[in-house]
Protein backbone atom coordinates (compact mmCIF):
# COMPACT_ATOMS: atom_id res chain seq x y z
CA MET A 1 33.65 228.58 160.30
CA GLY A 2 36.62 227.56 162.01
CA GLY A 3 37.53 225.66 165.42
CA GLU A 4 40.54 224.95 167.21
CA CYS A 5 41.81 221.42 168.48
CA CYS A 6 44.83 219.55 169.41
CA GLY A 7 47.76 222.04 168.88
CA SER A 8 50.90 220.83 166.79
CA GLY A 9 51.81 217.47 166.51
CA PRO A 10 53.49 215.06 164.18
CA GLY A 11 52.81 216.20 160.66
CA SER A 12 51.44 219.41 161.76
CA GLU A 13 52.77 221.06 158.58
CA LEU A 14 50.49 218.89 156.38
CA PHE A 15 47.16 219.06 158.38
CA GLU A 16 45.45 221.39 160.83
CA ILE A 17 43.10 219.48 163.17
CA LYS A 18 39.95 221.35 163.87
CA LYS A 19 37.09 220.48 165.95
CA ALA A 20 34.00 220.70 163.85
CA GLY A 21 31.48 219.43 166.56
CA ASP A 22 30.93 217.01 169.31
CA GLY A 23 33.31 213.97 168.36
CA ILE A 24 33.91 215.41 164.80
CA TRP A 25 36.94 216.95 163.35
CA ALA A 26 38.56 218.26 160.13
CA ALA A 27 41.80 217.66 158.95
CA VAL A 28 42.33 220.43 157.07
CA ALA A 29 45.08 219.92 154.44
CA ALA A 30 47.79 222.71 153.94
CA PRO A 31 48.98 223.36 150.32
CA ALA A 32 51.51 220.90 149.22
CA TYR A 33 53.44 220.31 145.98
CA LYS A 34 51.52 217.04 145.68
CA VAL A 35 47.97 218.03 146.89
CA ASN A 36 46.36 216.51 149.99
CA CYS A 37 42.52 216.52 150.56
CA ASN A 38 41.03 217.27 153.67
CA ALA A 39 39.89 214.40 156.08
CA ALA A 40 36.80 214.20 158.25
CA ILE A 41 37.35 212.27 161.51
CA ILE A 42 34.10 211.16 163.06
CA GLU A 43 33.56 209.43 166.46
CA THR A 44 30.97 206.45 166.19
CA GLY A 45 29.64 204.41 169.08
CA ASP A 46 32.48 201.86 168.69
CA GLY A 47 35.36 203.60 166.86
CA LEU A 48 36.12 206.13 164.27
CA MET A 49 35.18 207.03 160.85
CA ILE A 50 37.65 208.57 158.61
CA VAL A 51 36.56 210.44 155.40
CA ASP A 52 39.10 210.42 152.74
CA THR A 53 42.71 209.28 152.89
CA HIS A 54 44.89 211.74 150.49
CA SER A 55 47.18 211.42 148.05
CA LYS A 56 49.82 208.76 149.72
CA PRO A 57 49.93 206.63 152.42
CA SER A 58 52.61 208.67 154.44
CA ALA A 59 49.91 211.34 154.57
CA ALA A 60 47.45 209.04 156.00
CA ARG A 61 49.99 207.77 158.44
CA VAL A 62 49.97 211.23 159.79
CA ILE A 63 46.45 211.29 160.40
CA LEU A 64 46.84 208.19 162.31
CA ALA A 65 49.31 209.44 164.44
CA ARG A 66 47.40 212.66 165.31
CA LEU A 67 44.49 210.43 166.20
CA ARG A 68 46.36 209.58 169.30
CA ASP A 69 45.75 213.46 170.19
CA ILE A 70 42.02 213.03 169.98
CA THR A 71 40.80 209.71 170.99
CA SER A 72 41.99 206.35 172.17
CA LYS A 73 39.29 204.57 169.65
CA PRO A 74 40.16 202.52 166.76
CA VAL A 75 39.49 203.30 163.11
CA ARG A 76 36.46 201.00 162.31
CA TYR A 77 35.32 202.77 158.97
CA VAL A 78 37.02 204.64 155.82
CA VAL A 79 34.89 206.50 153.40
CA ASN A 80 36.23 207.53 149.96
CA THR A 81 34.03 210.39 148.48
CA HIS A 82 35.22 209.68 144.73
CA PHE A 83 37.86 208.18 142.83
CA HIS A 84 40.50 210.77 142.36
CA TRP A 85 44.06 209.80 143.45
CA ASP A 86 44.25 212.44 146.27
CA HIS A 87 41.43 211.11 148.26
CA TRP A 88 42.15 207.24 148.26
CA HIS A 89 45.68 206.57 147.71
CA GLY A 90 46.11 206.41 151.32
CA ASN A 91 43.64 203.51 151.80
CA GLU A 92 46.29 201.09 152.61
CA ALA A 93 47.49 202.73 155.85
CA TYR A 94 44.25 202.09 157.79
CA PRO A 95 43.66 198.24 157.54
CA ALA A 96 47.51 198.06 158.20
CA ALA A 97 46.99 199.92 161.25
CA TYR A 98 43.53 198.57 162.26
CA PRO A 99 43.08 195.11 160.87
CA GLY A 100 39.31 194.67 159.89
CA ALA A 101 38.77 198.24 159.07
CA GLU A 102 36.09 198.61 156.32
CA ILE A 103 36.50 200.96 153.39
CA ILE A 104 33.10 202.32 152.31
CA THR A 105 32.24 204.09 148.69
CA ASN A 106 29.25 203.61 146.19
CA ASP A 107 29.25 201.35 143.42
CA ILE A 108 30.12 203.87 140.84
CA THR A 109 33.18 204.89 142.77
CA ARG A 110 34.47 201.64 143.41
CA GLU A 111 33.99 200.64 139.84
CA ALA A 112 36.02 203.77 138.75
CA MET A 113 38.78 202.98 141.07
CA LEU A 114 39.20 199.31 139.88
CA ARG A 115 38.96 200.45 136.18
CA ARG A 116 41.03 203.44 136.14
CA SER A 117 43.25 203.13 139.23
CA GLY A 118 46.03 200.92 137.64
CA GLY A 119 46.38 203.64 134.49
CA ARG A 120 46.56 206.46 136.76
CA ILE A 121 49.34 205.11 139.08
CA ALA A 122 51.26 203.99 135.97
CA ASP A 123 50.99 207.59 134.69
CA HIS A 124 52.38 208.84 137.95
CA VAL A 125 55.37 206.62 137.83
CA ARG A 126 56.15 207.43 134.18
CA THR A 127 55.61 211.25 134.47
CA MET A 128 57.47 212.04 137.82
CA PRO A 129 60.97 211.54 136.53
CA ALA A 130 60.30 214.16 133.95
CA GLU A 131 58.57 216.37 136.58
CA ILE A 132 61.69 215.88 138.98
CA ALA A 133 63.90 216.86 136.11
CA ALA A 134 62.27 220.14 135.64
CA LEU A 135 62.51 220.93 139.19
CA GLU A 136 66.26 220.27 139.36
CA LYS A 137 66.61 222.71 136.15
CA ALA A 138 64.67 225.33 137.97
CA LEU A 139 66.57 224.97 140.84
CA ALA A 140 69.81 225.28 139.19
CA ALA A 141 68.32 228.30 137.47
CA ALA A 142 67.21 230.01 140.61
CA THR A 143 68.43 233.16 141.75
CA ASN A 144 67.09 234.24 144.94
CA ALA A 145 66.99 232.33 148.25
CA SER A 146 63.29 232.15 148.68
CA GLU A 147 62.93 230.74 145.36
CA LYS A 148 65.49 228.16 145.76
CA GLN A 149 64.13 227.12 149.10
CA ARG A 150 60.36 226.64 147.79
CA ILE A 151 62.06 224.59 144.79
CA GLU A 152 64.06 222.53 147.32
CA SER A 153 61.06 221.77 149.34
CA ASP A 154 59.18 220.80 146.08
CA LEU A 155 61.80 218.53 144.72
CA ARG A 156 62.15 216.87 148.24
CA GLU A 157 58.35 216.23 147.87
CA ALA A 158 58.50 215.00 144.21
CA ARG A 159 61.35 212.66 145.00
CA ALA A 160 59.34 211.06 147.84
CA TYR A 161 56.30 210.86 146.04
CA LEU A 162 57.87 208.94 143.37
CA GLU A 163 59.25 206.34 145.99
CA GLU A 164 55.80 206.10 147.55
CA VAL A 165 53.83 205.90 144.36
CA ARG A 166 56.03 202.90 142.94
CA ALA A 167 55.52 201.16 146.26
CA LEU A 168 51.57 201.76 146.39
CA ARG A 169 49.51 198.84 146.84
CA PRO A 170 45.95 200.11 145.65
CA THR A 171 43.46 199.15 148.62
CA PHE A 172 39.77 199.03 147.37
CA PRO A 173 36.53 199.49 149.36
CA THR A 174 35.28 196.51 150.85
CA ILE A 175 31.96 197.87 151.24
CA ALA A 176 29.68 199.46 148.29
CA PHE A 177 26.21 201.00 148.16
CA GLU A 178 24.10 202.14 145.66
CA HIS A 179 22.13 205.50 146.50
CA THR A 180 22.16 205.72 150.36
CA MET A 181 23.57 203.76 153.23
CA ARG A 182 22.39 204.58 156.80
CA MET A 183 24.60 203.78 159.92
CA ILE A 184 23.47 204.04 163.63
CA ARG A 185 26.45 203.54 165.80
CA GLY A 186 25.62 204.37 169.58
CA ASP A 187 24.16 208.17 169.36
CA ARG A 188 25.90 208.83 166.21
CA GLU A 189 23.43 208.80 162.89
CA ILE A 190 25.66 208.88 159.67
CA GLU A 191 24.07 208.95 156.09
CA LEU A 192 26.24 208.22 153.02
CA LEU A 193 24.54 209.84 150.03
CA HIS A 194 24.84 209.72 146.36
CA LEU A 195 22.77 212.78 145.16
CA GLY A 196 23.73 212.67 141.63
CA ARG A 197 26.92 213.57 139.31
CA ALA A 198 28.96 216.23 140.06
CA HIS A 199 32.63 216.40 140.32
CA THR A 200 32.75 212.92 139.15
CA ALA A 201 29.88 210.27 138.36
CA GLY A 202 29.86 209.01 141.95
CA ASP A 203 30.49 211.52 144.57
CA VAL A 204 29.61 210.71 148.23
CA PHE A 205 28.28 213.19 150.80
CA VAL A 206 28.56 212.21 154.29
CA PHE A 207 25.79 213.57 156.37
CA LEU A 208 25.27 213.96 160.19
CA PRO A 209 21.77 215.00 160.39
CA LYS A 210 22.02 215.50 164.35
CA GLU A 211 25.22 217.71 164.16
CA ARG A 212 23.73 219.51 160.80
CA THR A 213 27.22 218.79 159.22
CA VAL A 214 28.02 217.51 155.84
CA VAL A 215 31.16 216.50 154.40
CA THR A 216 31.25 217.13 150.75
CA GLY A 217 34.51 215.69 149.11
CA ASP A 218 35.42 217.65 145.91
CA ALA A 219 31.70 218.13 145.06
CA VAL A 220 32.36 221.37 146.94
CA VAL A 221 35.74 223.02 147.59
CA GLY A 222 37.13 226.11 148.79
CA TRP A 223 38.86 227.01 145.56
CA THR A 224 38.07 226.82 141.98
CA PRO A 225 36.84 223.42 141.02
CA TYR A 226 38.51 220.91 138.86
CA MET A 227 35.83 219.72 136.35
CA GLY A 228 37.85 217.34 134.00
CA ASP A 229 35.94 214.12 135.15
CA GLY A 230 32.76 216.27 136.01
CA PHE A 231 29.32 216.76 134.71
CA PRO A 232 28.74 220.74 134.93
CA GLU A 233 24.94 220.70 134.55
CA ASP A 234 24.36 217.97 136.77
CA TRP A 235 26.71 219.24 139.33
CA VAL A 236 24.33 222.29 139.64
CA LYS A 237 21.46 220.01 140.19
CA THR A 238 23.28 217.93 142.59
CA LEU A 239 24.36 220.82 144.84
CA ASP A 240 20.53 221.73 144.76
CA ARG A 241 19.71 218.56 146.17
CA LEU A 242 22.57 218.96 148.78
CA ALA A 243 20.88 222.63 149.60
CA GLY A 244 17.95 220.52 150.58
CA LEU A 245 19.68 219.02 153.68
CA ASP A 246 19.50 220.59 157.04
CA PHE A 247 23.02 221.33 157.72
CA THR A 248 25.07 224.49 159.12
CA ARG A 249 28.62 223.29 158.55
CA MET A 250 30.49 221.91 155.60
CA ILE A 251 33.79 219.99 155.84
CA LEU A 252 34.97 220.65 152.25
CA GLY A 253 37.24 218.31 149.95
CA HIS A 254 39.87 221.04 150.06
CA GLY A 255 40.01 224.47 151.82
CA ASP A 256 38.92 225.33 155.44
CA MET A 257 35.48 224.40 157.01
CA THR A 258 32.60 226.69 156.47
CA GLY A 259 29.06 227.60 156.73
CA ARG A 260 26.45 226.71 154.18
CA GLU A 261 26.85 230.14 152.97
CA TRP A 262 29.64 228.85 150.83
CA LEU A 263 27.41 226.35 148.92
CA GLY A 264 25.40 229.21 147.34
CA LEU A 265 28.53 230.94 146.12
CA PHE A 266 30.17 227.87 144.81
CA ARG A 267 26.96 226.67 142.90
CA GLY A 268 26.24 230.09 141.61
CA TYR A 269 29.95 229.98 140.19
CA ILE A 270 29.17 226.93 138.16
CA ALA A 271 25.89 227.88 136.98
CA ASP A 272 26.95 231.22 136.01
CA LEU A 273 29.85 229.70 134.25
CA ILE A 274 27.58 227.47 132.13
CA GLU A 275 25.29 230.23 131.43
CA ALA A 276 28.19 232.55 130.33
CA VAL A 277 29.89 230.00 128.07
CA ARG A 278 26.43 229.24 126.37
CA ARG A 279 25.80 232.83 125.73
CA GLU A 280 29.04 233.36 123.84
CA ALA A 281 28.72 230.38 121.98
CA ALA A 282 25.22 231.16 120.82
CA ALA A 283 26.22 234.54 119.62
CA GLY A 284 29.21 232.98 117.60
CA ALA A 285 32.24 233.27 119.61
CA THR A 286 35.05 230.69 119.43
CA LEU A 287 36.59 228.89 122.43
CA ASP A 288 39.35 231.16 122.38
CA GLN A 289 37.42 233.94 122.36
CA ILE A 290 35.07 232.62 125.08
CA LYS A 291 38.18 231.84 127.08
CA GLU A 292 38.91 235.45 127.02
CA ARG A 293 35.76 237.11 127.67
CA VAL A 294 33.95 234.67 130.23
CA PRO A 295 36.72 235.36 132.94
CA ARG A 296 36.63 239.06 132.41
CA ASP A 297 32.98 238.95 132.81
CA LEU A 298 32.72 236.73 135.83
CA ALA A 299 35.81 238.28 137.85
CA PRO A 300 33.90 240.92 139.61
CA LYS A 301 31.77 238.33 141.53
CA TYR A 302 33.86 235.12 141.71
CA GLU A 303 37.61 235.90 141.26
CA LYS A 304 38.39 237.10 144.86
CA PRO A 305 36.54 234.39 146.97
CA LEU A 306 37.66 231.61 144.82
CA SER A 307 41.19 232.85 145.02
CA ALA A 308 41.84 232.52 148.63
CA TYR A 309 44.93 230.23 147.80
CA GLY A 310 46.59 232.61 145.64
CA ASP A 311 48.94 231.24 143.07
CA TYR A 312 48.60 227.70 144.46
CA ARG A 313 45.12 227.40 142.95
CA PRO A 314 44.96 230.57 140.45
CA TRP A 315 41.51 231.47 139.38
CA ARG A 316 42.42 232.80 136.27
CA GLN A 317 44.21 229.66 135.17
CA LEU A 318 41.52 226.99 136.36
CA ILE A 319 38.59 228.67 134.75
CA LEU A 320 40.01 228.10 131.39
CA GLY A 321 39.94 224.42 131.98
CA ASN A 322 36.39 224.86 133.27
CA ILE A 323 35.34 226.59 130.34
CA GLU A 324 36.86 223.89 127.98
CA ARG A 325 34.85 221.13 129.90
CA ILE A 326 31.51 223.12 129.86
CA TYR A 327 32.28 223.89 125.86
CA ALA A 328 32.59 220.03 125.51
CA THR A 329 29.81 218.76 127.52
CA ALA A 330 27.05 221.35 127.87
CA LEU A 331 26.34 223.11 124.73
């Protein structure tokens, strides 16, 4: 389910702006060496709401520049769907451009940001030099022009990211809610919902009931999900609660906009994976045996739809991490 809007513009190689409804747009992130999330842009009666702010302030500033193609309204609200770095490290760009802009999330996510952000930022600063050195080594060993071009691009991104993360000023939410926050601005009704644990403990969904649109963060994505901070059993239950909402369009945390049919496949993958891991473990299989057998068993149904981004997010690799998480938490 796609839409077109706004043509090319500054930073168009990072995001494609797609119209998702009356006064609603999705900034769909292109694959990048340092991943960016999607953003939702929602007109309210008095301005704009932006959902998620990417992995770095420069990416958020691209969205700020692209907004000029859409509207002259100011950004009033920013929503962070969860605490992962690629969804909120661009926060600082919005109050810098629009003083007084409020940043909203739920209590669980704000606490996770406060508790974990310092360590994660320090980890990025510590590990990036080795990452850059590995890319430099790969570039020196590259033997064909296309490979060199790809590595050179990755190396530029890595060096630029290191400079940005060193200067990052973590900007935390100014408003936090517990379960639900309902906003009515002009004719726009917006519900911010915590439906339970999923990709993280505090995932926030942004639901527009009149427009039958939901912004999911990484609780639903267009590729194989990352489960390292997730709760697989609860994730399935949370997606069942999401399915109880009346919507026809989803703006995902990563990947293109889609209809609600994708929810069934995505939820099915997690549920079937849990069942398959449990079945193998109950039969006495070791973790290594499970990691060999379960991808083979699930591939006919899930490998193709969850491989739309090819080597950028390879299903055969990512499912192994999912199996490890389920083995550790759901047996």
